[in-house]
Amino acid sequence: HSNGSGTTNTSLTATSITTTRANELIVAAFLYQNNSAFTPPAGMLTKATVSLPNSTFDTLAVCTVLQAAAGASGNKVATIGSTATWGFVMLALNPVITGTAFWNNFVLSAEVDS
């Protein structure tokens, strides 16, 4: 996994991680402070965008992409509509079974206490 934070900016860069086998699911979670429009990194799908009341960060956006071959994921750069302080965490999930069919049924669930 990788994690970190950035200066006030509209580009949110999650640094590369290295997968150890084929068909790992890359999950990038971005936290930012201004509830502005979110554009996921190229090739990634936004699975959830959640408002976080009573939090240092206002918004959590979670994106995923299937990485077909083992190796470096490359940096994942999301953008937001206006400058904000932000943070991220990115990780790779190994499938329990081999092949891509496992991830076709992947469901992301989130609950926020306000």
N, C-alpha and C. Protein backbone atom coordinates (compact mmCIF):
# COMPACT_ATOMS: atom_id res chain seq x y z
N HIS A 1 0.84 -1.18 0.00
CA HIS A 1 0.00 0.00 0.00
C HIS A 1 0.88 1.24 0.00
N SER A 2 0.27 2.37 -0.34
CA SER A 2 0.94 3.65 -0.20
C SER A 2 -0.05 4.64 0.38
N ASN A 3 0.45 5.66 1.04
CA ASN A 3 -0.44 6.68 1.59
C ASN A 3 0.33 7.98 1.71
N GLY A 4 -0.40 9.06 1.85
CA GLY A 4 0.26 10.35 1.98
C GLY A 4 -0.73 11.48 1.87
N SER A 5 -0.21 12.67 1.78
CA SER A 5 -1.05 13.85 1.63
C SER A 5 -0.33 14.85 0.76
N GLY A 6 -1.07 15.83 0.30
CA GLY A 6 -0.48 16.81 -0.57
C GLY A 6 -0.76 18.22 -0.10
N THR A 7 -0.08 19.13 -0.72
CA THR A 7 -0.33 20.54 -0.45
C THR A 7 -1.68 20.91 -1.06
N THR A 8 -2.12 22.10 -0.80
CA THR A 8 -3.37 22.57 -1.38
C THR A 8 -3.21 22.60 -2.90
N ASN A 9 -4.07 21.84 -3.60
CA ASN A 9 -3.92 21.65 -5.03
C ASN A 9 -5.22 21.13 -5.61
N THR A 10 -5.33 21.08 -6.95
CA THR A 10 -6.47 20.43 -7.60
C THR A 10 -6.11 19.06 -8.15
N SER A 11 -4.82 18.71 -8.17
CA SER A 11 -4.36 17.39 -8.60
C SER A 11 -4.01 16.57 -7.38
N LEU A 12 -4.63 15.41 -7.25
CA LEU A 12 -4.40 14.52 -6.11
C LEU A 12 -3.66 13.29 -6.61
N THR A 13 -2.40 13.14 -6.25
CA THR A 13 -1.57 12.06 -6.78
C THR A 13 -1.34 10.97 -5.74
N ALA A 14 -1.87 9.78 -6.02
CA ALA A 14 -1.59 8.60 -5.20
C ALA A 14 -0.38 7.91 -5.81
N THR A 15 0.67 7.72 -5.00
CA THR A 15 1.92 7.16 -5.54
C THR A 15 1.81 5.67 -5.81
N SER A 16 2.59 5.23 -6.78
CA SER A 16 2.56 3.86 -7.28
C SER A 16 2.77 2.81 -6.20
N ILE A 17 2.10 1.69 -6.38
CA ILE A 17 2.35 0.50 -5.56
C ILE A 17 2.73 -0.64 -6.49
N THR A 18 3.28 -1.72 -5.95
CA THR A 18 3.68 -2.86 -6.77
C THR A 18 2.85 -4.07 -6.40
N THR A 19 2.17 -4.62 -7.39
CA THR A 19 1.37 -5.83 -7.16
C THR A 19 2.27 -7.06 -7.33
N THR A 20 1.86 -8.16 -6.71
CA THR A 20 2.69 -9.36 -6.74
C THR A 20 2.14 -10.46 -7.65
N ARG A 21 0.91 -10.28 -8.13
CA ARG A 21 0.35 -11.28 -9.05
C ARG A 21 -0.67 -10.63 -9.97
N ALA A 22 -1.05 -11.37 -10.98
CA ALA A 22 -2.00 -10.86 -11.97
C ALA A 22 -3.39 -10.68 -11.37
N ASN A 23 -4.16 -9.79 -11.96
CA ASN A 23 -5.57 -9.56 -11.63
C ASN A 23 -5.80 -9.08 -10.20
N GLU A 24 -4.90 -8.26 -9.69
CA GLU A 24 -5.13 -7.62 -8.40
C GLU A 24 -5.97 -6.37 -8.62
N LEU A 25 -6.83 -6.07 -7.65
CA LEU A 25 -7.67 -4.89 -7.73
C LEU A 25 -6.97 -3.74 -7.02
N ILE A 26 -6.69 -2.67 -7.75
CA ILE A 26 -6.09 -1.47 -7.17
C ILE A 26 -7.23 -0.61 -6.64
N VAL A 27 -7.15 -0.23 -5.37
CA VAL A 27 -8.16 0.62 -4.74
C VAL A 27 -7.46 1.89 -4.26
N ALA A 28 -7.94 3.03 -4.73
CA ALA A 28 -7.39 4.33 -4.31
C ALA A 28 -8.50 5.11 -3.63
N ALA A 29 -8.23 5.56 -2.41
CA ALA A 29 -9.18 6.39 -1.66
C ALA A 29 -8.58 7.77 -1.50
N PHE A 30 -9.32 8.78 -1.93
CA PHE A 30 -8.87 10.17 -1.85
C PHE A 30 -9.77 10.92 -0.87
N LEU A 31 -9.17 11.67 0.04
CA LEU A 31 -9.89 12.53 0.98
C LEU A 31 -9.53 13.97 0.65
N TYR A 32 -10.54 14.85 0.61
CA TYR A 32 -10.25 16.25 0.36
C TYR A 32 -11.26 17.14 1.06
N GLN A 33 -10.95 18.44 1.14
CA GLN A 33 -11.67 19.32 2.05
C GLN A 33 -12.78 20.17 1.47
N ASN A 34 -13.06 20.18 0.21
CA ASN A 34 -13.99 21.20 -0.26
C ASN A 34 -15.25 20.73 -0.98
N ASN A 35 -15.55 19.46 -0.99
CA ASN A 35 -16.76 18.94 -1.64
C ASN A 35 -16.90 19.35 -3.09
N SER A 36 -15.81 19.66 -3.79
CA SER A 36 -15.90 20.07 -5.18
C SER A 36 -16.01 18.86 -6.10
N ALA A 37 -16.25 19.11 -7.37
CA ALA A 37 -16.39 18.05 -8.37
C ALA A 37 -15.13 17.18 -8.39
N PHE A 38 -15.32 15.87 -8.52
CA PHE A 38 -14.22 14.90 -8.49
C PHE A 38 -14.14 14.19 -9.84
N THR A 39 -12.92 14.10 -10.38
CA THR A 39 -12.68 13.33 -11.60
C THR A 39 -11.68 12.23 -11.24
N PRO A 40 -12.03 10.97 -11.47
CA PRO A 40 -11.13 9.87 -11.08
C PRO A 40 -9.87 9.83 -11.94
N PRO A 41 -8.85 9.13 -11.47
CA PRO A 41 -7.66 8.94 -12.29
C PRO A 41 -8.01 8.22 -13.60
N ALA A 42 -7.23 8.46 -14.64
CA ALA A 42 -7.44 7.83 -15.94
C ALA A 42 -7.52 6.31 -15.78
N GLY A 43 -8.54 5.72 -16.37
CA GLY A 43 -8.71 4.27 -16.34
C GLY A 43 -9.37 3.72 -15.10
N MET A 44 -9.58 4.53 -14.09
CA MET A 44 -10.19 4.06 -12.84
C MET A 44 -11.68 4.41 -12.83
N LEU A 45 -12.46 3.60 -12.13
CA LEU A 45 -13.88 3.85 -11.94
C LEU A 45 -14.13 4.36 -10.53
N THR A 46 -14.96 5.37 -10.39
CA THR A 46 -15.34 5.85 -9.06
C THR A 46 -16.41 4.91 -8.52
N LYS A 47 -16.13 4.26 -7.41
CA LYS A 47 -17.07 3.32 -6.78
C LYS A 47 -17.94 4.01 -5.74
N ALA A 48 -17.42 5.08 -5.13
CA ALA A 48 -18.20 5.79 -4.10
C ALA A 48 -17.62 7.18 -3.91
N THR A 49 -18.51 8.14 -3.69
CA THR A 49 -18.12 9.48 -3.25
C THR A 49 -19.02 9.79 -2.07
N VAL A 50 -18.41 10.00 -0.91
CA VAL A 50 -19.16 10.11 0.33
C VAL A 50 -18.83 11.42 1.03
N SER A 51 -19.86 12.13 1.46
CA SER A 51 -19.67 13.33 2.27
C SER A 51 -19.37 12.91 3.70
N LEU A 52 -18.40 13.55 4.32
CA LEU A 52 -17.97 13.21 5.67
C LEU A 52 -18.25 14.37 6.63
N PRO A 53 -19.43 14.40 7.22
CA PRO A 53 -19.73 15.50 8.15
C PRO A 53 -18.87 15.39 9.41
N ASN A 54 -18.58 16.53 10.00
CA ASN A 54 -17.82 16.58 11.26
C ASN A 54 -16.45 15.94 11.13
N SER A 55 -15.80 16.14 10.00
CA SER A 55 -14.50 15.54 9.75
C SER A 55 -13.52 16.62 9.27
N THR A 56 -12.23 16.35 9.42
CA THR A 56 -11.22 17.25 8.87
C THR A 56 -11.37 17.37 7.37
N PHE A 57 -11.67 16.24 6.71
CA PHE A 57 -11.90 16.22 5.28
C PHE A 57 -13.40 16.12 5.03
N ASP A 58 -13.89 16.85 4.01
CA ASP A 58 -15.33 16.86 3.70
C ASP A 58 -15.78 15.68 2.85
N THR A 59 -14.86 15.15 2.02
CA THR A 59 -15.26 14.18 1.01
C THR A 59 -14.28 13.02 0.93
N LEU A 60 -14.82 11.82 0.74
CA LEU A 60 -14.05 10.61 0.47
C LEU A 60 -14.49 10.08 -0.88
N ALA A 61 -13.56 9.88 -1.79
CA ALA A 61 -13.85 9.28 -3.09
C ALA A 61 -13.00 8.01 -3.23
N VAL A 62 -13.65 6.90 -3.60
CA VAL A 62 -12.95 5.62 -3.73
C VAL A 62 -13.04 5.16 -5.18
N CYS A 63 -11.88 4.82 -5.76
CA CYS A 63 -11.79 4.41 -7.16
C CYS A 63 -11.09 3.05 -7.26
N THR A 64 -11.42 2.30 -8.31
CA THR A 64 -10.79 1.00 -8.51
C THR A 64 -10.40 0.80 -9.97
N VAL A 65 -9.43 -0.08 -10.16
CA VAL A 65 -9.05 -0.55 -11.48
C VAL A 65 -8.42 -1.94 -11.32
N LEU A 66 -8.70 -2.83 -12.24
CA LEU A 66 -8.11 -4.16 -12.24
C LEU A 66 -6.76 -4.08 -12.94
N GLN A 67 -5.71 -4.57 -12.27
CA GLN A 67 -4.39 -4.59 -12.89
C GLN A 67 -4.12 -6.00 -13.39
N ALA A 68 -4.06 -6.15 -14.70
CA ALA A 68 -3.97 -7.46 -15.34
C ALA A 68 -2.67 -8.20 -15.04
N ALA A 69 -1.54 -7.48 -14.99
CA ALA A 69 -0.25 -8.13 -14.78
C ALA A 69 0.41 -7.62 -13.49
N ALA A 70 1.20 -8.46 -12.88
CA ALA A 70 1.95 -8.05 -11.68
C ALA A 70 2.94 -6.95 -12.04
N GLY A 71 3.18 -6.04 -11.10
CA GLY A 71 4.15 -4.97 -11.33
C GLY A 71 3.66 -3.65 -10.78
N ALA A 72 4.36 -2.59 -11.14
CA ALA A 72 4.04 -1.24 -10.64
C ALA A 72 2.71 -0.76 -11.20
N SER A 73 1.91 -0.16 -10.35
CA SER A 73 0.60 0.37 -10.77
C SER A 73 0.73 1.71 -11.49
N GLY A 74 1.81 2.41 -11.23
CA GLY A 74 1.95 3.78 -11.71
C GLY A 74 1.17 4.72 -10.78
N ASN A 75 1.56 5.98 -10.78
CA ASN A 75 0.82 6.96 -9.98
C ASN A 75 -0.59 7.10 -10.51
N LYS A 76 -1.54 7.35 -9.64
CA LYS A 76 -2.94 7.57 -10.01
C LYS A 76 -3.29 9.01 -9.63
N VAL A 77 -3.64 9.81 -10.62
CA VAL A 77 -3.89 11.24 -10.40
C VAL A 77 -5.36 11.57 -10.62
N ALA A 78 -6.03 11.96 -9.55
CA ALA A 78 -7.41 12.42 -9.61
C ALA A 78 -7.39 13.95 -9.62
N THR A 79 -8.49 14.56 -10.04
CA THR A 79 -8.57 16.01 -9.99
C THR A 79 -9.87 16.43 -9.30
N ILE A 80 -9.81 17.59 -8.69
CA ILE A 80 -11.00 18.17 -8.06
C ILE A 80 -11.20 19.58 -8.60
N GLY A 81 -12.41 20.10 -8.44
CA GLY A 81 -12.80 21.35 -9.06
C GLY A 81 -12.15 22.60 -8.50
N SER A 82 -11.74 22.59 -7.26
CA SER A 82 -11.06 23.76 -6.68
C SER A 82 -10.02 23.29 -5.69
N THR A 83 -9.03 24.12 -5.42
CA THR A 83 -7.92 23.72 -4.58
C THR A 83 -8.38 23.32 -3.18
N ALA A 84 -7.70 22.33 -2.64
CA ALA A 84 -8.04 21.83 -1.31
C ALA A 84 -6.86 21.06 -0.73
N THR A 85 -6.83 20.95 0.58
CA THR A 85 -5.90 20.06 1.24
C THR A 85 -6.44 18.65 1.07
N TRP A 86 -5.57 17.66 0.88
CA TRP A 86 -6.04 16.32 0.56
C TRP A 86 -5.09 15.25 1.09
N GLY A 87 -5.57 14.01 1.07
CA GLY A 87 -4.78 12.86 1.45
C GLY A 87 -5.24 11.65 0.65
N PHE A 88 -4.50 10.56 0.71
CA PHE A 88 -4.88 9.36 -0.03
C PHE A 88 -4.34 8.11 0.65
N VAL A 89 -4.93 7.00 0.29
CA VAL A 89 -4.37 5.68 0.57
C VAL A 89 -4.67 4.83 -0.66
N MET A 90 -3.69 4.02 -1.09
CA MET A 90 -3.88 3.14 -2.23
C MET A 90 -3.37 1.76 -1.85
N LEU A 91 -4.14 0.75 -2.22
CA LEU A 91 -3.75 -0.62 -1.89
C LEU A 91 -4.17 -1.56 -3.00
N ALA A 92 -3.61 -2.76 -2.97
CA ALA A 92 -3.95 -3.81 -3.94
C ALA A 92 -4.57 -4.98 -3.21
N LEU A 93 -5.66 -5.49 -3.75
CA LEU A 93 -6.34 -6.64 -3.17
C LEU A 93 -6.12 -7.86 -4.06
N ASN A 94 -5.66 -8.96 -3.43
CA ASN A 94 -5.49 -10.21 -4.16
C ASN A 94 -6.83 -10.92 -4.28
N PRO A 95 -7.15 -11.45 -5.46
CA PRO A 95 -8.39 -12.21 -5.58
C PRO A 95 -8.27 -13.53 -4.82
N VAL A 96 -9.38 -13.97 -4.24
CA VAL A 96 -9.41 -15.25 -3.53
C VAL A 96 -9.30 -16.39 -4.53
N ILE A 97 -9.89 -16.20 -5.69
CA ILE A 97 -9.80 -17.19 -6.77
C ILE A 97 -9.08 -16.52 -7.92
N THR A 98 -8.52 -17.30 -8.82
CA THR A 98 -7.80 -16.72 -9.95
C THR A 98 -8.76 -16.26 -11.02
N GLY A 99 -8.31 -15.34 -11.85
CA GLY A 99 -9.12 -14.82 -12.94
C GLY A 99 -9.82 -13.54 -12.56
N THR A 100 -10.47 -12.93 -13.53
CA THR A 100 -11.11 -11.63 -13.32
C THR A 100 -12.55 -11.75 -12.86
N ALA A 101 -13.18 -12.91 -12.97
CA ALA A 101 -14.60 -13.05 -12.63
C ALA A 101 -14.87 -12.68 -11.17
N PHE A 102 -13.93 -12.92 -10.29
CA PHE A 102 -14.11 -12.61 -8.87
C PHE A 102 -14.44 -11.13 -8.69
N TRP A 103 -13.72 -10.23 -9.38
CA TRP A 103 -13.89 -8.79 -9.21
C TRP A 103 -15.15 -8.27 -9.89
N ASN A 104 -15.74 -9.02 -10.81
CA ASN A 104 -16.97 -8.57 -11.47
C ASN A 104 -18.11 -8.40 -10.48
N ASN A 105 -18.06 -9.09 -9.35
CA ASN A 105 -19.11 -9.01 -8.34
C ASN A 105 -18.69 -8.22 -7.10
N PHE A 106 -17.56 -7.50 -7.20
CA PHE A 106 -17.05 -6.71 -6.08
C PHE A 106 -18.01 -5.56 -5.77
N VAL A 107 -18.40 -5.44 -4.52
CA VAL A 107 -19.31 -4.37 -4.10
C VAL A 107 -18.63 -3.59 -2.99
N LEU A 108 -18.64 -2.27 -3.10
CA LEU A 108 -18.07 -1.42 -2.08
C LEU A 108 -19.22 -0.85 -1.26
N SER A 109 -19.12 -0.99 0.04
CA SER A 109 -20.16 -0.48 0.94
C SER A 109 -19.51 0.48 1.92
N ALA A 110 -20.16 1.59 2.18
CA ALA A 110 -19.63 2.56 3.12
C ALA A 110 -20.75 3.08 4.02
N GLU A 111 -20.42 3.30 5.26
CA GLU A 111 -21.38 3.88 6.21
C GLU A 111 -20.67 5.02 6.92
N VAL A 112 -21.35 6.14 7.02
CA VAL A 112 -20.77 7.32 7.66
C VAL A 112 -21.65 7.71 8.84
N ASP A 113 -21.03 7.86 10.02
CA ASP A 113 -21.74 8.35 11.19
C ASP A 113 -21.65 9.86 11.19
N SER A 114 -22.78 10.51 11.40
CA SER A 114 -22.74 11.98 11.43
C SER A 114 -22.95 12.50 12.83
